[in-house]
Amino acid sequence: VAGTGYTGEDGVEIAVPADSAQDVWDSLMQVGIVPAGLGARDTL
């Protein structure tokens, strides 16, 4: 986990083993984190 990101906002980037990415993603969605794509990141 790195305390970085390219959106101008605070947060982290989580490098997760690819075969476990879906499980981590599902956990994030369960706490109300809203998905956004690279286009949204570029706008930010």
ModelCIF file with pLDDT and N, C-alpha, C, O atoms, coordinates in Angstrom:
data_MODEL
#
_entry.id   MODEL 
#
_entity.id                         1 
_entity.type                       polymer 
_entity.pdbx_number_of_molecules   1 
#
_entity_poly.entity_id                      1 
_entity_poly.type                           'polypeptide(L)' 
_entity_poly.nstd_linkage                   no 
_entity_poly.nstd_monomer                   no 
_entity_poly.pdbx_seq_one_letter_code       VAGTGYTGEDGVEIAVPADSAQDVWDSLMQVGIVPAGLGARDTL 
_entity_poly.pdbx_seq_one_letter_code_can   VAGTGYTGEDGVEIAVPADSAQDVWDSLMQVGIVPAGLGARDTL 
_entity_poly.pdbx_strand_id                 A 
#
loop_
_entity_poly_seq.entity_id 
_entity_poly_seq.num 
_entity_poly_seq.mon_id 
_entity_poly_seq.hetero 
1 1  VAL n 
1 2  ALA n 
1 3  GLY n 
1 4  THR n 
1 5  GLY n 
1 6  TYR n 
1 7  THR n 
1 8  GLY n 
1 9  GLU n 
1 10 ASP n 
1 11 GLY n 
1 12 VAL n 
1 13 GLU n 
1 14 ILE n 
1 15 ALA n 
1 16 VAL n 
1 17 PRO n 
1 18 ALA n 
1 19 ASP n 
1 20 SER n 
1 21 ALA n 
1 22 GLN n 
1 23 ASP n 
1 24 VAL n 
1 25 TRP n 
1 26 ASP n 
1 27 SER n 
1 28 LEU n 
1 29 MET n 
1 30 GLN n 
1 31 VAL n 
1 32 GLY n 
1 33 ILE n 
1 34 VAL n 
1 35 PRO n 
1 36 ALA n 
1 37 GLY n 
1 38 LEU n 
1 39 GLY n 
1 40 ALA n 
1 41 ARG n 
1 42 ASP n 
1 43 THR n 
1 44 LEU n 
#
_struct_asym.id          A 
_struct_asym.entity_id   1 
#
loop_
_ma_qa_metric.id 
_ma_qa_metric.mode 
_ma_qa_metric.name 
_ma_qa_metric.software_group_id 
_ma_qa_metric.type 
1 global pLDDT . pLDDT 
2 local  pLDDT . pLDDT 
#
_ma_qa_metric_global.metric_id      1 
_ma_qa_metric_global.metric_value   93.64 
_ma_qa_metric_global.model_id       1 
_ma_qa_metric_global.ordinal_id     1 
#
loop_
_ma_qa_metric_local.label_asym_id 
_ma_qa_metric_local.label_comp_id 
_ma_qa_metric_local.label_seq_id 
_ma_qa_metric_local.metric_id 
_ma_qa_metric_local.metric_value 
_ma_qa_metric_local.model_id 
_ma_qa_metric_local.ordinal_id 
A VAL 1  2 97.00 1 1  
A ALA 2  2 97.00 1 2  
A GLY 3  2 96.00 1 3  
A THR 4  2 93.00 1 4  
A GLY 5  2 90.00 1 5  
A TYR 6  2 90.00 1 6  
A THR 7  2 91.00 1 7  
A GLY 8  2 89.00 1 8  
A GLU 9  2 92.00 1 9  
A ASP 10 2 94.00 1 10 
A GLY 11 2 96.00 1 11 
A VAL 12 2 97.00 1 12 
A GLU 13 2 97.00 1 13 
A ILE 14 2 97.00 1 14 
A ALA 15 2 97.00 1 15 
A VAL 16 2 96.00 1 16 
A PRO 17 2 95.00 1 17 
A ALA 18 2 94.00 1 18 
A ASP 19 2 93.00 1 19 
A SER 20 2 94.00 1 20 
A ALA 21 2 94.00 1 21 
A GLN 22 2 95.00 1 22 
A ASP 23 2 95.00 1 23 
A VAL 24 2 96.00 1 24 
A TRP 25 2 96.00 1 25 
A ASP 26 2 96.00 1 26 
A SER 27 2 96.00 1 27 
A LEU 28 2 96.00 1 28 
A MET 29 2 96.00 1 29 
A GLN 30 2 96.00 1 30 
A VAL 31 2 95.00 1 31 
A GLY 32 2 93.00 1 32 
A ILE 33 2 94.00 1 33 
A VAL 34 2 93.00 1 34 
A PRO 35 2 94.00 1 35 
A ALA 36 2 91.00 1 36 
A GLY 37 2 87.00 1 37 
A LEU 38 2 86.00 1 38 
A GLY 39 2 88.00 1 39 
A ALA 40 2 89.00 1 40 
A ARG 41 2 89.00 1 41 
A ASP 42 2 92.00 1 42 
A THR 43 2 94.00 1 43 
A LEU 44 2 94.00 1 44 
#
loop_
_atom_site.group_PDB 
_atom_site.id 
_atom_site.type_symbol 
_atom_site.label_atom_id 
_atom_site.label_alt_id 
_atom_site.label_comp_id 
_atom_site.label_asym_id 
_atom_site.label_entity_id 
_atom_site.label_seq_id 
_atom_site.pdbx_PDB_ins_code 
_atom_site.Cartn_x 
_atom_site.Cartn_y 
_atom_site.Cartn_z 
_atom_site.occupancy 
_atom_site.B_iso_or_equiv 
_atom_site.pdbx_formal_charge 
_atom_site.auth_seq_id 
_atom_site.auth_comp_id 
_atom_site.auth_asym_id 
_atom_site.auth_atom_id 
_atom_site.pdbx_PDB_model_num 
ATOM 1   N N  . VAL A 1 1  ? 0.845   -1.190  0.000   1.00 97.00 ? 1  VAL A N  1 
ATOM 2   C CA . VAL A 1 1  ? 0.000   0.000   0.000   1.00 97.00 ? 1  VAL A CA 1 
ATOM 3   C C  . VAL A 1 1  ? 0.881   1.241   0.000   1.00 97.00 ? 1  VAL A C  1 
ATOM 4   O O  . VAL A 1 1  ? 1.801   1.355   0.810   1.00 97.00 ? 1  VAL A O  1 
ATOM 5   N N  . ALA A 1 2  ? 0.603   2.162   -0.900  1.00 97.00 ? 2  ALA A N  1 
ATOM 6   C CA . ALA A 1 2  ? 1.354   3.407   -1.001  1.00 97.00 ? 2  ALA A CA 1 
ATOM 7   C C  . ALA A 1 2  ? 0.417   4.593   -0.785  1.00 97.00 ? 2  ALA A C  1 
ATOM 8   O O  . ALA A 1 2  ? -0.697  4.622   -1.308  1.00 97.00 ? 2  ALA A O  1 
ATOM 9   N N  . GLY A 1 3  ? 0.882   5.561   -0.014  1.00 96.00 ? 3  GLY A N  1 
ATOM 10  C CA . GLY A 1 3  ? 0.087   6.766   0.224   1.00 96.00 ? 3  GLY A CA 1 
ATOM 11  C C  . GLY A 1 3  ? 0.231   7.748   -0.919  1.00 96.00 ? 3  GLY A C  1 
ATOM 12  O O  . GLY A 1 3  ? 0.650   8.890   -0.733  1.00 96.00 ? 3  GLY A O  1 
ATOM 13  N N  . THR A 1 4  ? -0.124  7.283   -2.102  1.00 93.00 ? 4  THR A N  1 
ATOM 14  C CA . THR A 1 4  ? 0.008   8.088   -3.313  1.00 93.00 ? 4  THR A CA 1 
ATOM 15  C C  . THR A 1 4  ? -1.263  7.969   -4.142  1.00 93.00 ? 4  THR A C  1 
ATOM 16  O O  . THR A 1 4  ? -2.183  7.225   -3.803  1.00 93.00 ? 4  THR A O  1 
ATOM 17  N N  . GLY A 1 5  ? -1.288  8.712   -5.220  1.00 90.00 ? 5  GLY A N  1 
ATOM 18  C CA . GLY A 1 5  ? -2.435  8.675   -6.124  1.00 90.00 ? 5  GLY A CA 1 
ATOM 19  C C  . GLY A 1 5  ? -2.381  9.883   -7.022  1.00 90.00 ? 5  GLY A C  1 
ATOM 20  O O  . GLY A 1 5  ? -1.781  10.897  -6.666  1.00 90.00 ? 5  GLY A O  1 
ATOM 21  N N  . TYR A 1 6  ? -3.000  9.791   -8.187  1.00 90.00 ? 6  TYR A N  1 
ATOM 22  C CA . TYR A 1 6  ? -2.862  10.873  -9.150  1.00 90.00 ? 6  TYR A CA 1 
ATOM 23  C C  . TYR A 1 6  ? -4.202  11.523  -9.436  1.00 90.00 ? 6  TYR A C  1 
ATOM 24  O O  . TYR A 1 6  ? -4.651  11.592  -10.581 1.00 90.00 ? 6  TYR A O  1 
ATOM 25  N N  . THR A 1 7  ? -4.834  12.001  -8.366  1.00 91.00 ? 7  THR A N  1 
ATOM 26  C CA . THR A 1 7  ? -6.133  12.647  -8.525  1.00 91.00 ? 7  THR A CA 1 
ATOM 27  C C  . THR A 1 7  ? -6.191  14.030  -7.890  1.00 91.00 ? 7  THR A C  1 
ATOM 28  O O  . THR A 1 7  ? -7.167  14.755  -8.085  1.00 91.00 ? 7  THR A O  1 
ATOM 29  N N  . GLY A 1 8  ? -5.163  14.408  -7.135  1.00 89.00 ? 8  GLY A N  1 
ATOM 30  C CA . GLY A 1 8  ? -5.206  15.662  -6.399  1.00 89.00 ? 8  GLY A CA 1 
ATOM 31  C C  . GLY A 1 8  ? -5.872  15.534  -5.045  1.00 89.00 ? 8  GLY A C  1 
ATOM 32  O O  . GLY A 1 8  ? -5.920  16.500  -4.283  1.00 89.00 ? 8  GLY A O  1 
ATOM 33  N N  . GLU A 1 9  ? -6.391  14.347  -4.735  1.00 92.00 ? 9  GLU A N  1 
ATOM 34  C CA . GLU A 1 9  ? -7.030  14.083  -3.449  1.00 92.00 ? 9  GLU A CA 1 
ATOM 35  C C  . GLU A 1 9  ? -6.151  13.152  -2.618  1.00 92.00 ? 9  GLU A C  1 
ATOM 36  O O  . GLU A 1 9  ? -5.229  12.525  -3.139  1.00 92.00 ? 9  GLU A O  1 
ATOM 37  N N  . ASP A 1 10 ? -6.444  13.069  -1.331  1.00 94.00 ? 10 ASP A N  1 
ATOM 38  C CA . ASP A 1 10 ? -5.747  12.144  -0.454  1.00 94.00 ? 10 ASP A CA 1 
ATOM 39  C C  . ASP A 1 10 ? -6.235  10.723  -0.742  1.00 94.00 ? 10 ASP A C  1 
ATOM 40  O O  . ASP A 1 10 ? -7.293  10.516  -1.336  1.00 94.00 ? 10 ASP A O  1 
ATOM 41  N N  . GLY A 1 11 ? -5.441  9.763   -0.308  1.00 96.00 ? 11 GLY A N  1 
ATOM 42  C CA . GLY A 1 11 ? -5.831  8.367   -0.472  1.00 96.00 ? 11 GLY A CA 1 
ATOM 43  C C  . GLY A 1 11 ? -4.630  7.472   -0.622  1.00 96.00 ? 11 GLY A C  1 
ATOM 44  O O  . GLY A 1 11 ? -3.500  7.892   -0.374  1.00 96.00 ? 11 GLY A O  1 
ATOM 45  N N  . VAL A 1 12 ? -4.864  6.246   -1.025  1.00 97.00 ? 12 VAL A N  1 
ATOM 46  C CA . VAL A 1 12 ? -3.795  5.256   -1.180  1.00 97.00 ? 12 VAL A CA 1 
ATOM 47  C C  . VAL A 1 12 ? -3.997  4.475   -2.474  1.00 97.00 ? 12 VAL A C  1 
ATOM 48  O O  . VAL A 1 12 ? -5.065  4.488   -3.087  1.00 97.00 ? 12 VAL A O  1 
ATOM 49  N N  . GLU A 1 13 ? -2.910  3.791   -2.860  1.00 97.00 ? 13 GLU A N  1 
ATOM 50  C CA . GLU A 1 13 ? -2.969  2.842   -3.958  1.00 97.00 ? 13 GLU A CA 1 
ATOM 51  C C  . GLU A 1 13 ? -2.599  1.472   -3.392  1.00 97.00 ? 13 GLU A C  1 
ATOM 52  O O  . GLU A 1 13 ? -1.580  1.326   -2.717  1.00 97.00 ? 13 GLU A O  1 
ATOM 53  N N  . ILE A 1 14 ? -3.428  0.478   -3.671  1.00 97.00 ? 14 ILE A N  1 
ATOM 54  C CA . ILE A 1 14 ? -3.237  -0.864  -3.126  1.00 97.00 ? 14 ILE A CA 1 
ATOM 55  C C  . ILE A 1 14 ? -2.817  -1.798  -4.251  1.00 97.00 ? 14 ILE A C  1 
ATOM 56  O O  . ILE A 1 14 ? -3.581  -2.032  -5.188  1.00 97.00 ? 14 ILE A O  1 
ATOM 57  N N  . ALA A 1 15 ? -1.600  -2.332  -4.157  1.00 97.00 ? 15 ALA A N  1 
ATOM 58  C CA . ALA A 1 15 ? -1.129  -3.341  -5.110  1.00 97.00 ? 15 ALA A CA 1 
ATOM 59  C C  . ALA A 1 15 ? -1.466  -4.702  -4.529  1.00 97.00 ? 15 ALA A C  1 
ATOM 60  O O  . ALA A 1 15 ? -0.912  -5.110  -3.509  1.00 97.00 ? 15 ALA A O  1 
ATOM 61  N N  . VAL A 1 16 ? -2.377  -5.398  -5.189  1.00 96.00 ? 16 VAL A N  1 
ATOM 62  C CA . VAL A 1 16 ? -2.921  -6.641  -4.665  1.00 96.00 ? 16 VAL A CA 1 
ATOM 63  C C  . VAL A 1 16 ? -2.654  -7.771  -5.674  1.00 96.00 ? 16 VAL A C  1 
ATOM 64  O O  . VAL A 1 16 ? -2.739  -7.538  -6.879  1.00 96.00 ? 16 VAL A O  1 
ATOM 65  N N  . PRO A 1 17 ? -2.333  -8.990  -5.209  1.00 95.00 ? 17 PRO A N  1 
ATOM 66  C CA . PRO A 1 17 ? -2.175  -10.097 -6.156  1.00 95.00 ? 17 PRO A CA 1 
ATOM 67  C C  . PRO A 1 17 ? -3.396  -10.218 -7.056  1.00 95.00 ? 17 PRO A C  1 
ATOM 68  O O  . PRO A 1 17 ? -4.535  -10.161 -6.592  1.00 95.00 ? 17 PRO A O  1 
ATOM 69  N N  . ALA A 1 18 ? -3.142  -10.385 -8.349  1.00 94.00 ? 18 ALA A N  1 
ATOM 70  C CA . ALA A 1 18 ? -4.225  -10.334 -9.329  1.00 94.00 ? 18 ALA A CA 1 
ATOM 71  C C  . ALA A 1 18 ? -5.333  -11.335 -9.030  1.00 94.00 ? 18 ALA A C  1 
ATOM 72  O O  . ALA A 1 18 ? -6.510  -11.040 -9.236  1.00 94.00 ? 18 ALA A O  1 
ATOM 73  N N  . ASP A 1 19 ? -4.962  -12.517 -8.546  1.00 93.00 ? 19 ASP A N  1 
ATOM 74  C CA . ASP A 1 19 ? -6.000  -13.524 -8.314  1.00 93.00 ? 19 ASP A CA 1 
ATOM 75  C C  . ASP A 1 19 ? -6.844  -13.229 -7.079  1.00 93.00 ? 19 ASP A C  1 
ATOM 76  O O  . ASP A 1 19 ? -7.847  -13.901 -6.840  1.00 93.00 ? 19 ASP A O  1 
ATOM 77  N N  . SER A 1 20 ? -6.444  -12.220 -6.285  1.00 94.00 ? 20 SER A N  1 
ATOM 78  C CA . SER A 1 20 ? -7.235  -11.817 -5.119  1.00 94.00 ? 20 SER A CA 1 
ATOM 79  C C  . SER A 1 20 ? -7.879  -10.445 -5.303  1.00 94.00 ? 20 SER A C  1 
ATOM 80  O O  . SER A 1 20 ? -8.562  -9.949  -4.408  1.00 94.00 ? 20 SER A O  1 
ATOM 81  N N  . ALA A 1 21 ? -7.661  -9.839  -6.464  1.00 94.00 ? 21 ALA A N  1 
ATOM 82  C CA . ALA A 1 21 ? -8.141  -8.472  -6.689  1.00 94.00 ? 21 ALA A CA 1 
ATOM 83  C C  . ALA A 1 21 ? -9.662  -8.367  -6.571  1.00 94.00 ? 21 ALA A C  1 
ATOM 84  O O  . ALA A 1 21 ? -10.182 -7.384  -6.043  1.00 94.00 ? 21 ALA A O  1 
ATOM 85  N N  . GLN A 1 22 ? -10.366 -9.375  -7.062  1.00 95.00 ? 22 GLN A N  1 
ATOM 86  C CA . GLN A 1 22 ? -11.833 -9.327  -7.006  1.00 95.00 ? 22 GLN A CA 1 
ATOM 87  C C  . GLN A 1 22 ? -12.319 -9.300  -5.562  1.00 95.00 ? 22 GLN A C  1 
ATOM 88  O O  . GLN A 1 22 ? -13.260 -8.573  -5.243  1.00 95.00 ? 22 GLN A O  1 
ATOM 89  N N  . ASP A 1 23 ? -11.692 -10.082 -4.683  1.00 95.00 ? 23 ASP A N  1 
ATOM 90  C CA . ASP A 1 23 ? -12.110 -10.114 -3.278  1.00 95.00 ? 23 ASP A CA 1 
ATOM 91  C C  . ASP A 1 23 ? -11.880 -8.756  -2.614  1.00 95.00 ? 23 ASP A C  1 
ATOM 92  O O  . ASP A 1 23 ? -12.742 -8.265  -1.885  1.00 95.00 ? 23 ASP A O  1 
ATOM 93  N N  . VAL A 1 24 ? -10.720 -8.151  -2.865  1.00 96.00 ? 24 VAL A N  1 
ATOM 94  C CA . VAL A 1 24 ? -10.432 -6.841  -2.283  1.00 96.00 ? 24 VAL A CA 1 
ATOM 95  C C  . VAL A 1 24 ? -11.388 -5.797  -2.858  1.00 96.00 ? 24 VAL A C  1 
ATOM 96  O O  . VAL A 1 24 ? -11.898 -4.947  -2.128  1.00 96.00 ? 24 VAL A O  1 
ATOM 97  N N  . TRP A 1 25 ? -11.624 -5.863  -4.152  1.00 96.00 ? 25 TRP A N  1 
ATOM 98  C CA . TRP A 1 25 ? -12.556 -4.929  -4.802  1.00 96.00 ? 25 TRP A CA 1 
ATOM 99  C C  . TRP A 1 25 ? -13.942 -5.037  -4.166  1.00 96.00 ? 25 TRP A C  1 
ATOM 100 O O  . TRP A 1 25 ? -14.549 -4.021  -3.826  1.00 96.00 ? 25 TRP A O  1 
ATOM 101 N N  . ASP A 1 26 ? -14.438 -6.249  -4.005  1.00 96.00 ? 26 ASP A N  1 
ATOM 102 C CA . ASP A 1 26 ? -15.766 -6.431  -3.424  1.00 96.00 ? 26 ASP A CA 1 
ATOM 103 C C  . ASP A 1 26 ? -15.835 -5.857  -2.014  1.00 96.00 ? 26 ASP A C  1 
ATOM 104 O O  . ASP A 1 26 ? -16.852 -5.278  -1.631  1.00 96.00 ? 26 ASP A O  1 
ATOM 105 N N  . SER A 1 27 ? -14.765 -6.011  -1.239  1.00 96.00 ? 27 SER A N  1 
ATOM 106 C CA . SER A 1 27 ? -14.742 -5.458  0.118   1.00 96.00 ? 27 SER A CA 1 
ATOM 107 C C  . SER A 1 27 ? -14.808 -3.938  0.095   1.00 96.00 ? 27 SER A C  1 
ATOM 108 O O  . SER A 1 27 ? -15.479 -3.332  0.930   1.00 96.00 ? 27 SER A O  1 
ATOM 109 N N  . LEU A 1 28 ? -14.121 -3.325  -0.849  1.00 96.00 ? 28 LEU A N  1 
ATOM 110 C CA . LEU A 1 28 ? -14.152 -1.866  -0.966  1.00 96.00 ? 28 LEU A CA 1 
ATOM 111 C C  . LEU A 1 28 ? -15.542 -1.376  -1.354  1.00 96.00 ? 28 LEU A C  1 
ATOM 112 O O  . LEU A 1 28 ? -16.010 -0.356  -0.847  1.00 96.00 ? 28 LEU A O  1 
ATOM 113 N N  . MET A 1 29 ? -16.196 -2.097  -2.247  1.00 96.00 ? 29 MET A N  1 
ATOM 114 C CA . MET A 1 29 ? -17.543 -1.694  -2.665  1.00 96.00 ? 29 MET A CA 1 
ATOM 115 C C  . MET A 1 29 ? -18.537 -1.768  -1.504  1.00 96.00 ? 29 MET A C  1 
ATOM 116 O O  . MET A 1 29 ? -19.498 -1.000  -1.452  1.00 96.00 ? 29 MET A O  1 
ATOM 117 N N  . GLN A 1 30 ? -18.301 -2.695  -0.578  1.00 96.00 ? 30 GLN A N  1 
ATOM 118 C CA . GLN A 1 30 ? -19.230 -2.888  0.531   1.00 96.00 ? 30 GLN A CA 1 
ATOM 119 C C  . GLN A 1 30 ? -19.213 -1.745  1.536   1.00 96.00 ? 30 GLN A C  1 
ATOM 120 O O  . GLN A 1 30 ? -20.150 -1.608  2.322   1.00 96.00 ? 30 GLN A O  1 
ATOM 121 N N  . VAL A 1 31 ? -18.163 -0.919  1.528   1.00 95.00 ? 31 VAL A N  1 
ATOM 122 C CA . VAL A 1 31 ? -18.110 0.211   2.467   1.00 95.00 ? 31 VAL A CA 1 
ATOM 123 C C  . VAL A 1 31 ? -18.429 1.532   1.771   1.00 95.00 ? 31 VAL A C  1 
ATOM 124 O O  . VAL A 1 31 ? -18.131 2.607   2.294   1.00 95.00 ? 31 VAL A O  1 
ATOM 125 N N  . GLY A 1 32 ? -19.030 1.443   0.602   1.00 93.00 ? 32 GLY A N  1 
ATOM 126 C CA . GLY A 1 32 ? -19.534 2.645   -0.060  1.00 93.00 ? 32 GLY A CA 1 
ATOM 127 C C  . GLY A 1 32 ? -18.548 3.384   -0.926  1.00 93.00 ? 32 GLY A C  1 
ATOM 128 O O  . GLY A 1 32 ? -18.791 4.529   -1.307  1.00 93.00 ? 32 GLY A O  1 
ATOM 129 N N  . ILE A 1 33 ? -17.423 2.739   -1.247  1.00 94.00 ? 33 ILE A N  1 
ATOM 130 C CA . ILE A 1 33 ? -16.479 3.358   -2.177  1.00 94.00 ? 33 ILE A CA 1 
ATOM 131 C C  . ILE A 1 33 ? -17.022 3.178   -3.595  1.00 94.00 ? 33 ILE A C  1 
ATOM 132 O O  . ILE A 1 33 ? -17.385 2.073   -3.997  1.00 94.00 ? 33 ILE A O  1 
ATOM 133 N N  . VAL A 1 34 ? -17.072 4.275   -4.340  1.00 93.00 ? 34 VAL A N  1 
ATOM 134 C CA . VAL A 1 34 ? -17.711 4.272   -5.660  1.00 93.00 ? 34 VAL A CA 1 
ATOM 135 C C  . VAL A 1 34 ? -16.648 4.068   -6.737  1.00 93.00 ? 34 VAL A C  1 
ATOM 136 O O  . VAL A 1 34 ? -15.644 4.780   -6.745  1.00 93.00 ? 34 VAL A O  1 
ATOM 137 N N  . PRO A 1 35 ? -16.847 3.111   -7.646  1.00 94.00 ? 35 PRO A N  1 
ATOM 138 C CA . PRO A 1 35 ? -15.845 2.869   -8.695  1.00 94.00 ? 35 PRO A CA 1 
ATOM 139 C C  . PRO A 1 35 ? -15.788 4.000   -9.712  1.00 94.00 ? 35 PRO A C  1 
ATOM 140 O O  . PRO A 1 35 ? -16.799 4.630   -10.023 1.00 94.00 ? 35 PRO A O  1 
ATOM 141 N N  . ALA A 1 36 ? -14.597 4.244   -10.219 1.00 91.00 ? 36 ALA A N  1 
ATOM 142 C CA . ALA A 1 36 ? -14.391 5.246   -11.273 1.00 91.00 ? 36 ALA A CA 1 
ATOM 143 C C  . ALA A 1 36 ? -13.252 4.765   -12.158 1.00 91.00 ? 36 ALA A C  1 
ATOM 144 O O  . ALA A 1 36 ? -12.334 4.096   -11.685 1.00 91.00 ? 36 ALA A O  1 
ATOM 145 N N  . GLY A 1 37 ? -13.309 5.101   -13.428 1.00 87.00 ? 37 GLY A N  1 
ATOM 146 C CA . GLY A 1 37 ? -12.304 4.639   -14.376 1.00 87.00 ? 37 GLY A CA 1 
ATOM 147 C C  . GLY A 1 37 ? -11.178 5.629   -14.586 1.00 87.00 ? 37 GLY A C  1 
ATOM 148 O O  . GLY A 1 37 ? -11.115 6.667   -13.926 1.00 87.00 ? 37 GLY A O  1 
ATOM 149 N N  . LEU A 1 38 ? -10.282 5.299   -15.515 1.00 86.00 ? 38 LEU A N  1 
ATOM 150 C CA . LEU A 1 38 ? -9.125  6.144   -15.783 1.00 86.00 ? 38 LEU A CA 1 
ATOM 151 C C  . LEU A 1 38 ? -9.521  7.501   -16.351 1.00 86.00 ? 38 LEU A C  1 
ATOM 152 O O  . LEU A 1 38 ? -8.823  8.491   -16.132 1.00 86.00 ? 38 LEU A O  1 
ATOM 153 N N  . GLY A 1 39 ? -10.636 7.558   -17.077 1.00 88.00 ? 39 GLY A N  1 
ATOM 154 C CA . GLY A 1 39 ? -11.092 8.841   -17.595 1.00 88.00 ? 39 GLY A CA 1 
ATOM 155 C C  . GLY A 1 39 ? -11.424 9.817   -16.477 1.00 88.00 ? 39 GLY A C  1 
ATOM 156 O O  . GLY A 1 39 ? -11.116 11.005  -16.568 1.00 88.00 ? 39 GLY A O  1 
ATOM 157 N N  . ALA A 1 40 ? -12.053 9.311   -15.421 1.00 89.00 ? 40 ALA A N  1 
ATOM 158 C CA . ALA A 1 40 ? -12.365 10.162  -14.271 1.00 89.00 ? 40 ALA A CA 1 
ATOM 159 C C  . ALA A 1 40 ? -11.090 10.600  -13.580 1.00 89.00 ? 40 ALA A C  1 
ATOM 160 O O  . ALA A 1 40 ? -10.975 11.750  -13.158 1.00 89.00 ? 40 ALA A O  1 
ATOM 161 N N  . ARG A 1 41 ? -10.123 9.687   -13.459 1.00 89.00 ? 41 ARG A N  1 
ATOM 162 C CA . ARG A 1 41 ? -8.854  10.056  -12.827 1.00 89.00 ? 41 ARG A CA 1 
ATOM 163 C C  . ARG A 1 41 ? -8.152  11.143  -13.625 1.00 89.00 ? 41 ARG A C  1 
ATOM 164 O O  . ARG A 1 41 ? -7.567  12.058  -13.046 1.00 89.00 ? 41 ARG A O  1 
ATOM 165 N N  . ASP A 1 42 ? -8.205  11.048  -14.958 1.00 92.00 ? 42 ASP A N  1 
ATOM 166 C CA . ASP A 1 42 ? -7.534  12.045  -15.782 1.00 92.00 ? 42 ASP A CA 1 
ATOM 167 C C  . ASP A 1 42 ? -8.175  13.414  -15.614 1.00 92.00 ? 42 ASP A C  1 
ATOM 168 O O  . ASP A 1 42 ? -7.477  14.428  -15.589 1.00 92.00 ? 42 ASP A O  1 
ATOM 169 N N  . THR A 1 43 ? -9.496  13.453  -15.500 1.00 94.00 ? 43 THR A N  1 
ATOM 170 C CA . THR A 1 43 ? -10.174 14.728  -15.262 1.00 94.00 ? 43 THR A CA 1 
ATOM 171 C C  . THR A 1 43 ? -9.751  15.319  -13.919 1.00 94.00 ? 43 THR A C  1 
ATOM 172 O O  . THR A 1 43 ? -9.511  16.521  -13.812 1.00 94.00 ? 43 THR A O  1 
ATOM 173 N N  . LEU A 1 44 ? -9.662  14.470  -12.898 1.00 94.00 ? 44 LEU A N  1 
ATOM 174 C CA . LEU A 1 44 ? -9.276  14.944  -11.567 1.00 94.00 ? 44 LEU A CA 1 
ATOM 175 C C  . LEU A 1 44 ? -7.848  15.476  -11.557 1.00 94.00 ? 44 LEU A C  1 
ATOM 176 O O  . LEU A 1 44 ? -7.361  15.916  -10.516 1.00 94.00 ? 44 LEU A O  1 
#
